[in-house]
N, C-alpha and C. Protein backbone atom coordinates (compact mmCIF):
# COMPACT_ATOMS: atom_id res chain seq x y z
N MET A 1 0.84 -1.17 0.00
CA MET A 1 0.00 0.00 0.00
C MET A 1 0.89 1.24 0.00
N SER A 2 0.65 2.14 -0.92
CA SER A 2 1.48 3.33 -1.05
C SER A 2 0.77 4.57 -0.52
N ILE A 3 1.08 4.91 0.71
CA ILE A 3 0.49 6.10 1.33
C ILE A 3 0.94 7.35 0.59
N ARG A 4 2.19 7.39 0.18
CA ARG A 4 2.72 8.58 -0.51
C ARG A 4 1.95 8.83 -1.81
N THR A 5 1.70 7.79 -2.58
CA THR A 5 0.97 7.94 -3.84
C THR A 5 -0.47 8.38 -3.58
N ALA A 6 -1.11 7.75 -2.59
CA ALA A 6 -2.48 8.12 -2.25
C ALA A 6 -2.55 9.56 -1.75
N ASN A 7 -1.57 9.96 -0.95
CA ASN A 7 -1.52 11.34 -0.47
C ASN A 7 -1.34 12.32 -1.63
N GLY A 8 -0.53 11.95 -2.60
CA GLY A 8 -0.36 12.79 -3.78
C GLY A 8 -1.67 12.96 -4.53
N TYR A 9 -2.41 11.87 -4.64
CA TYR A 9 -3.72 11.92 -5.30
C TYR A 9 -4.67 12.84 -4.54
N ILE A 10 -4.69 12.71 -3.21
CA ILE A 10 -5.57 13.54 -2.38
C ILE A 10 -5.16 15.01 -2.47
N ALA A 11 -3.87 15.29 -2.45
CA ALA A 11 -3.40 16.68 -2.56
C ALA A 11 -3.79 17.28 -3.90
N LEU A 12 -3.66 16.50 -4.97
CA LEU A 12 -4.05 16.97 -6.29
C LEU A 12 -5.55 17.23 -6.35
N LEU A 13 -6.33 16.32 -5.79
CA LEU A 13 -7.78 16.49 -5.76
C LEU A 13 -8.15 17.74 -4.96
N ALA A 14 -7.50 17.94 -3.82
CA ALA A 14 -7.77 19.12 -3.00
C ALA A 14 -7.45 20.39 -3.77
N LYS A 15 -6.37 20.37 -4.52
CA LYS A 15 -5.98 21.54 -5.32
C LYS A 15 -7.01 21.80 -6.43
N GLN A 16 -7.50 20.74 -7.06
CA GLN A 16 -8.50 20.89 -8.12
C GLN A 16 -9.83 21.41 -7.56
N VAL A 17 -10.24 20.89 -6.41
CA VAL A 17 -11.48 21.36 -5.79
C VAL A 17 -11.33 22.82 -5.39
N GLU A 18 -10.20 23.16 -4.80
CA GLU A 18 -9.94 24.55 -4.40
C GLU A 18 -10.03 25.48 -5.61
N ALA A 19 -9.34 25.13 -6.69
CA ALA A 19 -9.36 25.96 -7.90
C ALA A 19 -10.77 26.05 -8.48
N GLY A 20 -11.50 24.94 -8.44
CA GLY A 20 -12.87 24.93 -8.94
C GLY A 20 -13.79 25.83 -8.14
N ILE A 21 -13.66 25.80 -6.83
CA ILE A 21 -14.48 26.65 -5.97
C ILE A 21 -14.18 28.12 -6.25
N ILE A 22 -12.90 28.44 -6.37
CA ILE A 22 -12.50 29.83 -6.61
C ILE A 22 -13.02 30.34 -7.95
N SER A 23 -12.92 29.52 -8.99
CA SER A 23 -13.29 29.99 -10.33
C SER A 23 -14.76 29.78 -10.69
N SER A 24 -15.47 28.99 -9.92
CA SER A 24 -16.87 28.71 -10.24
C SER A 24 -17.76 29.88 -9.84
N GLY A 25 -18.65 30.23 -10.73
CA GLY A 25 -19.62 31.26 -10.41
C GLY A 25 -20.99 30.66 -10.13
N ASN A 26 -21.04 29.34 -10.03
CA ASN A 26 -22.31 28.65 -9.84
C ASN A 26 -22.80 28.80 -8.40
N PRO A 27 -24.02 29.28 -8.21
CA PRO A 27 -24.54 29.45 -6.85
C PRO A 27 -24.71 28.13 -6.09
N PHE A 28 -24.79 27.00 -6.81
CA PHE A 28 -24.94 25.71 -6.14
C PHE A 28 -23.72 25.38 -5.28
N VAL A 29 -22.56 25.87 -5.67
CA VAL A 29 -21.33 25.60 -4.91
C VAL A 29 -21.50 26.08 -3.48
N GLU A 30 -21.94 27.31 -3.30
CA GLU A 30 -22.15 27.85 -1.96
C GLU A 30 -23.30 27.14 -1.25
N GLU A 31 -24.37 26.83 -1.98
CA GLU A 31 -25.51 26.12 -1.38
C GLU A 31 -25.07 24.76 -0.86
N TYR A 32 -24.29 24.04 -1.66
CA TYR A 32 -23.83 22.71 -1.25
C TYR A 32 -22.98 22.79 0.02
N LEU A 33 -22.05 23.73 0.04
CA LEU A 33 -21.20 23.86 1.22
C LEU A 33 -22.03 24.25 2.44
N ASP A 34 -23.07 25.07 2.24
CA ASP A 34 -23.96 25.41 3.35
C ASP A 34 -24.66 24.18 3.91
N THR A 35 -25.06 23.25 3.03
CA THR A 35 -25.71 22.02 3.51
C THR A 35 -24.74 21.15 4.30
N MET A 36 -23.45 21.36 4.07
CA MET A 36 -22.43 20.61 4.80
C MET A 36 -21.97 21.39 6.04
N ASP A 37 -22.71 22.46 6.39
CA ASP A 37 -22.37 23.32 7.53
C ASP A 37 -20.96 23.89 7.40
N CYS A 38 -20.66 24.39 6.22
CA CYS A 38 -19.32 24.90 5.95
C CYS A 38 -19.44 26.07 4.98
N SER A 39 -18.73 27.14 5.25
CA SER A 39 -18.72 28.28 4.32
C SER A 39 -17.64 28.05 3.26
N VAL A 40 -17.71 28.83 2.22
CA VAL A 40 -16.71 28.74 1.15
C VAL A 40 -15.32 29.01 1.72
N GLU A 41 -15.22 30.04 2.56
CA GLU A 41 -13.92 30.41 3.12
C GLU A 41 -13.34 29.30 3.98
N VAL A 42 -14.18 28.68 4.79
CA VAL A 42 -13.72 27.58 5.66
C VAL A 42 -13.30 26.39 4.82
N GLU A 43 -14.08 26.06 3.80
CA GLU A 43 -13.74 24.93 2.93
C GLU A 43 -12.39 25.17 2.24
N LEU A 44 -12.20 26.37 1.73
CA LEU A 44 -10.93 26.68 1.07
C LEU A 44 -9.77 26.58 2.06
N ALA A 45 -9.96 27.06 3.27
CA ALA A 45 -8.91 26.99 4.29
C ALA A 45 -8.59 25.53 4.63
N GLN A 46 -9.62 24.69 4.74
CA GLN A 46 -9.40 23.28 5.06
C GLN A 46 -8.69 22.56 3.91
N LEU A 47 -9.07 22.88 2.69
CA LEU A 47 -8.40 22.26 1.53
C LEU A 47 -6.93 22.65 1.48
N ARG A 48 -6.64 23.91 1.77
CA ARG A 48 -5.24 24.37 1.79
C ARG A 48 -4.46 23.71 2.92
N GLU A 49 -5.11 23.59 4.08
CA GLU A 49 -4.46 22.94 5.22
C GLU A 49 -4.13 21.48 4.90
N LEU A 50 -5.04 20.81 4.22
CA LEU A 50 -4.80 19.42 3.82
C LEU A 50 -3.59 19.34 2.88
N GLN A 51 -3.52 20.22 1.91
CA GLN A 51 -2.40 20.22 0.97
C GLN A 51 -1.07 20.47 1.68
N VAL A 52 -1.06 21.42 2.60
CA VAL A 52 0.17 21.74 3.35
C VAL A 52 0.57 20.55 4.22
N GLY A 53 -0.41 19.94 4.90
CA GLY A 53 -0.12 18.79 5.75
C GLY A 53 0.48 17.64 4.97
N ILE A 54 -0.06 17.39 3.79
CA ILE A 54 0.46 16.30 2.96
C ILE A 54 1.86 16.64 2.44
N SER A 55 2.07 17.89 2.06
CA SER A 55 3.41 18.24 1.55
C SER A 55 4.47 18.15 2.64
N ARG A 56 4.09 18.42 3.88
CA ARG A 56 5.05 18.33 4.98
C ARG A 56 5.32 16.89 5.41
N HIS A 57 4.30 16.06 5.32
CA HIS A 57 4.41 14.66 5.78
C HIS A 57 3.80 13.73 4.73
N PRO A 58 4.45 13.55 3.59
CA PRO A 58 3.86 12.76 2.50
C PRO A 58 3.75 11.26 2.78
N ASP A 59 4.45 10.78 3.77
CA ASP A 59 4.43 9.33 4.04
C ASP A 59 3.54 8.94 5.21
N THR A 60 2.76 9.87 5.74
CA THR A 60 1.86 9.54 6.84
C THR A 60 0.42 9.77 6.42
N GLU A 61 -0.48 9.02 7.02
CA GLU A 61 -1.89 9.19 6.69
C GLU A 61 -2.37 10.54 7.21
N PRO A 62 -3.20 11.24 6.41
CA PRO A 62 -3.56 12.61 6.75
C PRO A 62 -4.64 12.78 7.82
N SER A 63 -4.98 11.80 8.57
CA SER A 63 -5.87 11.86 9.74
C SER A 63 -7.10 12.73 9.56
N ILE A 64 -7.35 13.61 10.52
CA ILE A 64 -8.59 14.38 10.56
C ILE A 64 -8.73 15.31 9.36
N SER A 65 -7.64 15.91 8.91
CA SER A 65 -7.74 16.84 7.78
C SER A 65 -8.26 16.15 6.52
N PHE A 66 -8.16 14.81 6.47
CA PHE A 66 -8.67 14.04 5.34
C PHE A 66 -10.18 14.15 5.26
N THR A 67 -10.85 14.45 6.36
CA THR A 67 -12.31 14.55 6.39
C THR A 67 -12.82 15.54 5.35
N VAL A 68 -12.09 16.60 5.11
CA VAL A 68 -12.53 17.63 4.17
C VAL A 68 -12.71 17.06 2.76
N ILE A 69 -11.96 16.04 2.41
CA ILE A 69 -12.03 15.50 1.05
C ILE A 69 -12.95 14.28 0.96
N LYS A 70 -13.27 13.65 2.09
CA LYS A 70 -14.10 12.44 2.08
C LYS A 70 -15.44 12.65 1.40
N LYS A 71 -16.06 13.80 1.63
CA LYS A 71 -17.39 14.03 1.06
C LYS A 71 -17.36 13.97 -0.46
N TYR A 72 -16.22 14.31 -1.06
CA TYR A 72 -16.12 14.26 -2.52
C TYR A 72 -15.82 12.85 -3.02
N LEU A 73 -15.09 12.08 -2.24
CA LEU A 73 -14.79 10.70 -2.63
C LEU A 73 -15.98 9.78 -2.46
N TYR A 74 -16.78 10.03 -1.45
CA TYR A 74 -17.86 9.10 -1.13
C TYR A 74 -19.24 9.62 -1.49
N GLY A 75 -19.32 10.76 -2.17
CA GLY A 75 -20.59 11.24 -2.71
C GLY A 75 -21.62 11.65 -1.68
N TRP A 76 -21.19 12.27 -0.58
CA TRP A 76 -22.13 12.71 0.45
C TRP A 76 -23.09 13.73 -0.11
N LYS A 77 -24.35 13.58 0.23
CA LYS A 77 -25.42 14.48 -0.19
C LYS A 77 -25.37 14.64 -1.71
N GLU A 78 -25.12 15.82 -2.21
CA GLU A 78 -25.11 16.04 -3.66
C GLU A 78 -23.70 16.32 -4.18
N ALA A 79 -22.75 15.56 -3.71
CA ALA A 79 -21.35 15.79 -4.08
C ALA A 79 -21.11 15.70 -5.58
N ASP A 80 -21.79 14.77 -6.25
CA ASP A 80 -21.57 14.63 -7.69
C ASP A 80 -22.01 15.87 -8.45
N LYS A 81 -23.13 16.45 -8.05
CA LYS A 81 -23.59 17.69 -8.69
C LYS A 81 -22.60 18.82 -8.41
N PHE A 82 -22.12 18.87 -7.17
CA PHE A 82 -21.13 19.88 -6.79
C PHE A 82 -19.87 19.73 -7.63
N LEU A 83 -19.37 18.51 -7.74
CA LEU A 83 -18.15 18.26 -8.51
C LEU A 83 -18.33 18.60 -9.98
N SER A 84 -19.51 18.32 -10.53
CA SER A 84 -19.75 18.65 -11.94
C SER A 84 -19.80 20.17 -12.14
N CYS A 85 -20.29 20.90 -11.13
CA CYS A 85 -20.27 22.38 -11.20
C CYS A 85 -18.83 22.91 -11.25
N LEU A 86 -17.91 22.15 -10.68
CA LEU A 86 -16.50 22.55 -10.66
C LEU A 86 -15.75 22.02 -11.88
N GLY A 87 -16.43 21.23 -12.71
CA GLY A 87 -15.79 20.66 -13.89
C GLY A 87 -14.97 19.42 -13.58
N LEU A 88 -15.27 18.76 -12.45
CA LEU A 88 -14.53 17.56 -12.05
C LEU A 88 -15.38 16.31 -12.28
N LYS A 89 -14.73 15.16 -12.25
CA LYS A 89 -15.42 13.89 -12.42
C LYS A 89 -16.24 13.56 -11.18
N GLY A 90 -17.13 12.59 -11.29
CA GLY A 90 -17.98 12.18 -10.19
C GLY A 90 -17.23 11.47 -9.08
N SER A 91 -17.90 11.33 -7.95
CA SER A 91 -17.26 10.76 -6.76
C SER A 91 -16.82 9.31 -6.97
N LYS A 92 -17.56 8.53 -7.75
CA LYS A 92 -17.16 7.14 -7.98
C LYS A 92 -15.82 7.07 -8.71
N VAL A 93 -15.66 7.92 -9.70
CA VAL A 93 -14.41 7.95 -10.46
C VAL A 93 -13.26 8.41 -9.57
N LEU A 94 -13.51 9.43 -8.76
CA LEU A 94 -12.47 9.93 -7.85
C LEU A 94 -12.09 8.87 -6.82
N ALA A 95 -13.08 8.17 -6.29
CA ALA A 95 -12.80 7.12 -5.30
C ALA A 95 -11.99 5.99 -5.93
N ARG A 96 -12.34 5.61 -7.16
CA ARG A 96 -11.57 4.57 -7.85
C ARG A 96 -10.11 4.98 -8.02
N GLY A 97 -9.90 6.24 -8.37
CA GLY A 97 -8.54 6.75 -8.51
C GLY A 97 -7.78 6.71 -7.20
N TYR A 98 -8.47 7.05 -6.11
CA TYR A 98 -7.84 7.03 -4.79
C TYR A 98 -7.45 5.61 -4.40
N TYR A 99 -8.36 4.66 -4.59
CA TYR A 99 -8.05 3.28 -4.22
C TYR A 99 -6.98 2.68 -5.13
N ALA A 100 -6.94 3.09 -6.38
CA ALA A 100 -5.87 2.64 -7.28
C ALA A 100 -4.52 3.19 -6.80
N ALA A 101 -4.52 4.44 -6.33
CA ALA A 101 -3.29 5.03 -5.80
C ALA A 101 -2.83 4.31 -4.54
N LEU A 102 -3.77 3.87 -3.72
CA LEU A 102 -3.40 3.11 -2.51
C LEU A 102 -2.74 1.78 -2.87
N ARG A 103 -3.19 1.17 -3.95
CA ARG A 103 -2.65 -0.13 -4.35
C ARG A 103 -1.34 -0.02 -5.11
N ALA A 104 -1.00 1.19 -5.56
CA ALA A 104 0.21 1.38 -6.38
C ALA A 104 1.47 1.10 -5.58
């Protein structure tokens, strides 16, 4: 099991979600984050924190900060609609990529 590869995948996903949130003008993005009890600013801060944590410790599991990305991997609530608003693939595809990275 390659934690480093999986962490790289998670960091890349976090960067893509962050960029998507910043550049998206779709009102659903904010609505979705509100349903998750999270503001846009807080979500962006958590995504950045996750990226920094992984870059500092690429060989360790990202613990609690990983929670910020779980909703996108596991399709919580309307995650697939949210991801499509950002121009990203659906949660099933993202989860498959994550598990493939773990097996690498």
